[in-house]
Amino acid sequence: MSSAVTKALSHFEPHDPGTLKLNCGQAVLVGLADRIGIDEKTAIGAGRPFAGGIGHQGNVCGALIAGTIALGFATDAKAEPPNRQAAYKRTRELFRRFSERHGNVECRLLIGIDPSTPEGEHEVHARNIHHTHCTAFVRSAVEIVEDLLEEELADIRRKEASR
């Protein structure tokens, strides 16, 4: 397990009472913060609205959305618009790989509960969905983003070596 995954999971399901407990989106961004050049305060703020499929609406998984934000931060802003196209391609690949692992990208379909209703939100907590389902989504989002960034770095090195 990479240090980014370990850090993300330690904040998503902290075992140390002194560790700040974060939602899925926050945990993904905090785990990847060093890799993508942001501080933890920025990561926590940027990921805040994403729990429960963006504001508990059951839409796209918050961990996956945080992964897309991480890919955006990892892109050199000085090379627009070519980097924009690369970011779109990486984002599509992130969604494809996540869906391949988990069968879908929508929170309500991933967890089998609609968190946008009071009953659904209660059921999410009663069934400990955070632990039984969402931990895997946080792990996958971080792992896939790391893989995509490593693949991009390897491509850059190959291009440089061929010059």
Protein backbone atom coordinates (compact mmCIF):
# COMPACT_ATOMS: atom_id res chain seq x y z
CA MET A 1 0.00 0.00 0.00
CA SER A 2 1.42 3.38 -0.99
CA SER A 3 1.97 6.17 1.51
CA ALA A 4 -0.78 8.20 -0.20
CA VAL A 5 -3.30 5.37 0.28
CA THR A 6 -2.17 4.89 3.88
CA LYS A 7 -2.56 8.61 4.59
CA ALA A 8 -5.98 8.79 2.92
CA LEU A 9 -7.30 5.76 4.79
CA SER A 10 -5.83 6.93 8.10
CA HIS A 11 -7.97 10.07 7.81
CA PHE A 12 -11.03 8.29 6.44
CA GLU A 13 -11.08 5.63 9.16
CA PRO A 14 -8.76 6.95 11.85
CA HIS A 15 -7.57 4.54 14.50
CA ASP A 16 -5.68 7.25 16.36
CA PRO A 17 -8.07 9.51 18.30
CA GLY A 18 -5.82 12.48 17.46
CA THR A 19 -6.26 12.04 13.70
CA LEU A 20 -8.77 14.29 11.98
CA LYS A 21 -11.63 12.22 10.51
CA LEU A 22 -12.39 13.28 6.95
CA ASN A 23 -15.03 12.45 4.37
CA CYS A 24 -14.17 10.45 1.24
CA GLY A 25 -13.30 13.42 -0.97
CA GLN A 26 -11.22 15.10 1.69
CA ALA A 27 -9.36 11.86 2.46
CA VAL A 28 -8.47 11.30 -1.21
CA LEU A 29 -7.12 14.84 -1.60
CA VAL A 30 -5.21 14.77 1.70
CA GLY A 31 -3.68 11.44 0.72
CA LEU A 32 -2.54 12.85 -2.63
CA ALA A 33 -1.72 16.38 -1.41
CA ASP A 34 2.08 16.01 -1.45
CA ARG A 35 1.98 14.36 -4.86
CA ILE A 36 -0.17 17.07 -6.45
CA GLY A 37 1.41 20.08 -4.76
CA ILE A 38 -1.32 21.28 -2.40
CA ASP A 39 -1.36 21.68 1.34
CA GLU A 40 -3.69 19.77 3.65
CA LYS A 41 -5.82 22.82 4.42
CA THR A 42 -6.53 23.26 0.69
CA ALA A 43 -7.22 19.54 0.32
CA ILE A 44 -9.67 19.50 3.23
CA GLY A 45 -11.50 22.56 1.94
CA ALA A 46 -11.63 21.37 -1.68
CA GLY A 47 -12.95 17.94 -0.71
CA ARG A 48 -15.51 19.08 1.86
CA PRO A 49 -18.67 19.02 -0.33
CA PHE A 50 -18.17 15.61 -1.94
CA ALA A 51 -19.40 13.10 0.66
CA GLY A 52 -22.39 10.96 -0.23
CA GLY A 53 -22.14 11.58 -3.94
CA ILE A 54 -21.66 15.36 -3.77
CA GLY A 55 -23.47 16.86 -0.83
CA HIS A 56 -25.28 13.62 0.04
CA GLN A 57 -27.20 13.67 -3.26
CA GLY A 58 -26.11 10.17 -4.33
CA ASN A 59 -24.50 11.43 -7.54
CA VAL A 60 -20.94 10.67 -8.65
CA CYS A 61 -18.84 9.15 -5.85
CA GLY A 62 -17.08 11.84 -3.83
CA ALA A 63 -13.81 9.90 -3.78
CA LEU A 64 -13.89 9.76 -7.58
CA ILE A 65 -14.63 13.48 -7.89
CA ALA A 66 -11.70 14.19 -5.58
CA GLY A 67 -9.55 12.03 -7.83
CA THR A 68 -10.48 14.20 -10.80
CA ILE A 69 -9.56 17.32 -8.83
CA ALA A 70 -6.22 15.72 -7.97
CA LEU A 71 -5.56 15.09 -11.66
CA GLY A 72 -6.31 18.74 -12.35
CA PHE A 73 -3.89 19.95 -9.68
CA ALA A 74 -1.23 17.60 -11.06
CA THR A 75 -1.39 19.23 -14.51
CA ASP A 76 0.98 22.06 -15.43
CA ALA A 77 -1.21 25.16 -15.79
CA LYS A 78 1.39 26.86 -18.00
CA ALA A 79 0.65 24.62 -20.96
CA GLU A 80 -3.04 25.31 -21.67
CA PRO A 81 -4.92 24.09 -23.72
CA PRO A 82 -2.82 20.96 -24.50
CA ASN A 83 -2.81 19.99 -20.82
CA ARG A 84 -6.56 20.43 -20.72
CA GLN A 85 -6.92 17.70 -23.34
CA ALA A 86 -4.53 15.45 -21.38
CA ALA A 87 -6.56 16.08 -18.21
CA TYR A 88 -9.79 15.12 -20.01
CA LYS A 89 -8.17 11.90 -21.22
CA ARG A 90 -6.86 11.02 -17.74
CA THR A 91 -10.25 11.78 -16.20
CA ARG A 92 -12.03 9.47 -18.63
CA GLU A 93 -9.50 6.77 -17.79
CA LEU A 94 -9.97 7.34 -14.05
CA PHE A 95 -13.74 6.89 -14.44
CA ARG A 96 -13.28 3.81 -16.63
CA ARG A 97 -10.93 2.08 -14.20
CA PHE A 98 -13.03 2.99 -11.17
CA SER A 99 -16.18 1.68 -12.86
CA GLU A 100 -14.33 -1.46 -13.89
CA ARG A 101 -13.35 -2.11 -10.26
CA HIS A 102 -16.68 -1.22 -8.65
CA GLY A 103 -19.34 -1.60 -11.34
CA ASN A 104 -20.49 2.01 -11.36
CA VAL A 105 -19.48 5.59 -10.50
CA GLU A 106 -22.69 6.82 -8.84
CA CYS A 107 -22.78 6.79 -5.04
CA ARG A 108 -26.38 5.58 -4.70
CA LEU A 109 -25.71 2.66 -7.05
CA LEU A 110 -22.34 1.83 -5.48
CA ILE A 111 -23.76 1.64 -1.95
CA GLY A 112 -27.29 0.51 -2.81
CA ILE A 113 -28.85 3.34 -0.79
CA ASP A 114 -30.07 6.80 -1.75
CA PRO A 115 -28.27 9.11 0.72
CA SER A 116 -30.30 12.12 -0.41
CA THR A 117 -33.27 11.16 1.78
CA PRO A 118 -33.36 11.28 5.59
CA GLU A 119 -34.13 7.54 5.60
CA GLY A 120 -31.24 6.83 3.28
CA GLU A 121 -28.82 8.91 5.29
CA HIS A 122 -29.93 7.10 8.45
CA GLU A 123 -29.46 3.73 6.72
CA VAL A 124 -25.96 4.69 5.55
CA HIS A 125 -24.97 5.24 9.19
CA ALA A 126 -26.93 2.29 10.59
CA ARG A 127 -25.33 -0.13 8.11
CA ASN A 128 -21.86 1.43 8.51
CA ILE A 129 -21.59 1.92 4.73
CA HIS A 130 -18.67 4.25 5.31
CA HIS A 131 -16.64 1.26 6.48
CA THR A 132 -18.22 -1.58 4.48
CA HIS A 133 -18.21 0.16 1.07
CA CYS A 134 -16.62 3.59 0.95
CA THR A 135 -13.17 2.64 2.24
CA ALA A 136 -12.67 0.65 -0.98
CA PHE A 137 -13.71 3.66 -3.08
CA VAL A 138 -11.21 5.93 -1.31
CA ARG A 139 -8.46 3.37 -1.78
CA SER A 140 -9.30 2.87 -5.47
CA ALA A 141 -9.46 6.59 -6.24
CA VAL A 142 -6.01 7.19 -4.74
CA GLU A 143 -4.49 4.09 -6.35
CA ILE A 144 -5.85 4.87 -9.80
CA VAL A 145 -4.74 8.52 -9.68
CA GLU A 146 -1.27 7.40 -8.60
CA ASP A 147 -1.17 4.87 -11.44
CA LEU A 148 -2.27 7.46 -13.99
CA LEU A 149 0.35 9.95 -12.82
CA GLU A 150 3.06 7.26 -12.89
CA GLU A 151 2.02 6.24 -16.40
CA GLU A 152 2.19 9.86 -17.54
CA LEU A 153 5.65 10.26 -16.01
CA ALA A 154 6.83 7.07 -17.74
CA ASP A 155 5.51 8.40 -21.08
CA ILE A 156 7.41 11.66 -20.58
CA ARG A 157 10.62 9.75 -19.80
CA ARG A 158 10.20 7.57 -22.89
CA LYS A 159 9.70 10.62 -25.09
CA GLU A 160 12.75 12.32 -23.60
CA ALA A 161 14.86 9.18 -24.05
CA SER A 162 13.88 8.91 -27.71
CA ARG A 163 15.10 12.45 -28.49
